[in-house]
Amino acid sequence: MGKEMRMAYDDEGDILDISIGDPEKAVSREVEDDFFLRVNPVSGEVVGFSILNFRKWFKGAKDIKTLPIKADLIAS
């Protein structure tokens, strides 16, 4: 069974946070400026990510950002 994706945006801090599945302990790894993966320290599974300075990343409607990660997503 798949895991739910939860999204939250902190307007004051300008942080977009995405969590995959139920909250769990994780270690954050910066993979690019202002982009952090949260990884389960035991299994190595990605359990979420955060983007700091989110508005700066996407100033215009046509801005596109590519990240050095791969994902398999399945709709339920």
C-alpha atoms as a PDB file:
ATOM      1  CA  MET A   1       0.000   0.000   0.000  1.00  0.00           C
ATOM      2  CA  GLY A   2       1.247   3.505  -0.824  1.00  0.00           C
ATOM      3  CA  LYS A   3       1.957   6.267   1.618  1.00  0.00           C
ATOM      4  CA  GLU A   4       0.160   9.593   1.779  1.00  0.00           C
ATOM      5  CA  MET A   5       2.044  12.728   0.885  1.00  0.00           C
ATOM      6  CA  ARG A   6       1.512  15.664   3.226  1.00  0.00           C
ATOM      7  CA  MET A   7       2.363  19.233   2.232  1.00  0.00           C
ATOM      8  CA  ALA A   8       2.664  22.313   4.417  1.00  0.00           C
ATOM      9  CA  TYR A   9       3.825  25.819   3.633  1.00  0.00           C
ATOM     10  CA  ASP A  10       5.100  28.288   6.245  1.00  0.00           C
ATOM     11  CA  ASP A  11       4.517  31.717   4.708  1.00  0.00           C
ATOM     12  CA  GLU A  12       6.475  33.607   7.367  1.00  0.00           C
ATOM     13  CA  GLY A  13       9.515  31.337   7.098  1.00  0.00           C
ATOM     14  CA  ASP A  14       9.001  30.759   3.346  1.00  0.00           C
ATOM     15  CA  ILE A  15       9.455  26.991   3.715  1.00  0.00           C
ATOM     16  CA  LEU A  16       7.638  24.275   1.769  1.00  0.00           C
ATOM     17  CA  ASP A  17       7.629  20.953   3.610  1.00  0.00           C
ATOM     18  CA  ILE A  18       6.598  17.626   2.075  1.00  0.00           C
ATOM     19  CA  SER A  19       6.290  14.485   4.198  1.00  0.00           C
ATOM     20  CA  ILE A  20       5.798  10.976   2.849  1.00  0.00           C
ATOM     21  CA  GLY A  21       3.872   8.658   5.151  1.00  0.00           C
ATOM     22  CA  ASP A  22       3.533   8.947   8.909  1.00  0.00           C
ATOM     23  CA  PRO A  23       6.009  11.154  10.808  1.00  0.00           C
ATOM     24  CA  GLU A  24       9.183   9.322  11.773  1.00  0.00           C
ATOM     25  CA  LYS A  25      12.741  10.021  12.862  1.00  0.00           C
ATOM     26  CA  ALA A  26      14.913  11.231  10.025  1.00  0.00           C
ATOM     27  CA  VAL A  27      18.214  12.839   9.173  1.00  0.00           C
ATOM     28  CA  SER A  28      18.245  15.852   6.858  1.00  0.00           C
ATOM     29  CA  ARG A  29      20.686  16.025   3.959  1.00  0.00           C
ATOM     30  CA  GLU A  30      21.157  19.152   1.861  1.00  0.00           C
ATOM     31  CA  VAL A  31      21.284  18.029  -1.780  1.00  0.00           C
ATOM     32  CA  GLU A  32      21.246  21.511  -3.275  1.00  0.00           C
ATOM     33  CA  ASP A  33      21.163  25.037  -1.848  1.00  0.00           C
ATOM     34  CA  ASP A  34      17.979  25.339   0.245  1.00  0.00           C
ATOM     35  CA  PHE A  35      16.750  21.810  -0.659  1.00  0.00           C
ATOM     36  CA  PHE A  36      16.876  19.149   2.052  1.00  0.00           C
ATOM     37  CA  LEU A  37      15.936  15.469   1.832  1.00  0.00           C
ATOM     38  CA  ARG A  38      14.769  13.792   5.031  1.00  0.00           C
ATOM     39  CA  VAL A  39      15.995  10.202   5.164  1.00  0.00           C
ATOM     40  CA  ASN A  40      15.272   7.387   7.603  1.00  0.00           C
ATOM     41  CA  PRO A  41      18.715   6.749   9.163  1.00  0.00           C
ATOM     42  CA  VAL A  42      18.179   2.970   9.353  1.00  0.00           C
ATOM     43  CA  SER A  43      16.525   2.092   6.031  1.00  0.00           C
ATOM     44  CA  GLY A  44      17.829   4.997   3.945  1.00  0.00           C
ATOM     45  CA  GLU A  45      14.279   5.579   2.673  1.00  0.00           C
ATOM     46  CA  VAL A  46      13.347   9.164   1.782  1.00  0.00           C
ATOM     47  CA  VAL A  47      10.544  10.244   4.133  1.00  0.00           C
ATOM     48  CA  GLY A  48      10.222  13.852   3.014  1.00  0.00           C
ATOM     49  CA  PHE A  49      11.889  16.999   1.846  1.00  0.00           C
ATOM     50  CA  SER A  50      11.926  20.715   2.551  1.00  0.00           C
ATOM     51  CA  ILE A  51      12.565  23.721   0.344  1.00  0.00           C
ATOM     52  CA  LEU A  52      13.802  26.832   2.118  1.00  0.00           C
ATOM     53  CA  ASN A  53      13.272  30.228   0.458  1.00  0.00           C
ATOM     54  CA  PHE A  54      10.548  28.658  -1.658  1.00  0.00           C
ATOM     55  CA  ARG A  55       9.374  31.936  -3.264  1.00  0.00           C
ATOM     56  CA  LYS A  56      12.945  32.727  -4.335  1.00  0.00           C
ATOM     57  CA  TRP A  57      13.113  29.380  -6.162  1.00  0.00           C
ATOM     58  CA  PHE A  58       9.951  30.135  -8.128  1.00  0.00           C
ATOM     59  CA  LYS A  59       9.863  33.878  -8.761  1.00  0.00           C
ATOM     60  CA  GLY A  60       8.005  33.609 -12.064  1.00  0.00           C
ATOM     61  CA  ALA A  61       5.178  31.411 -13.306  1.00  0.00           C
ATOM     62  CA  LYS A  62       7.515  29.768 -15.854  1.00  0.00           C
ATOM     63  CA  ASP A  63      10.368  28.986 -13.429  1.00  0.00           C
ATOM     64  CA  ILE A  64      11.326  25.302 -13.408  1.00  0.00           C
ATOM     65  CA  LYS A  65      13.812  23.709 -11.019  1.00  0.00           C
ATOM     66  CA  THR A  66      15.396  20.308 -11.623  1.00  0.00           C
ATOM     67  CA  LEU A  67      16.822  18.369  -8.677  1.00  0.00           C
ATOM     68  CA  PRO A  68      19.338  15.508  -8.566  1.00  0.00           C
ATOM     69  CA  ILE A  69      16.834  12.963  -7.211  1.00  0.00           C
ATOM     70  CA  LYS A  70      14.631  10.274  -8.754  1.00  0.00           C
ATOM     71  CA  ALA A  71      11.215   9.178  -7.511  1.00  0.00           C
ATOM     72  CA  ASP A  72       8.605   6.546  -8.282  1.00  0.00           C
ATOM     73  CA  LEU A  73       5.121   7.842  -7.533  1.00  0.00           C
ATOM     74  CA  ILE A  74       1.996   5.746  -7.823  1.00  0.00           C
ATOM     75  CA  ALA A  75      -1.515   7.212  -7.656  1.00  0.00           C
ATOM     76  CA  SER A  76      -4.038   5.247  -5.666  1.00  0.00           C
END
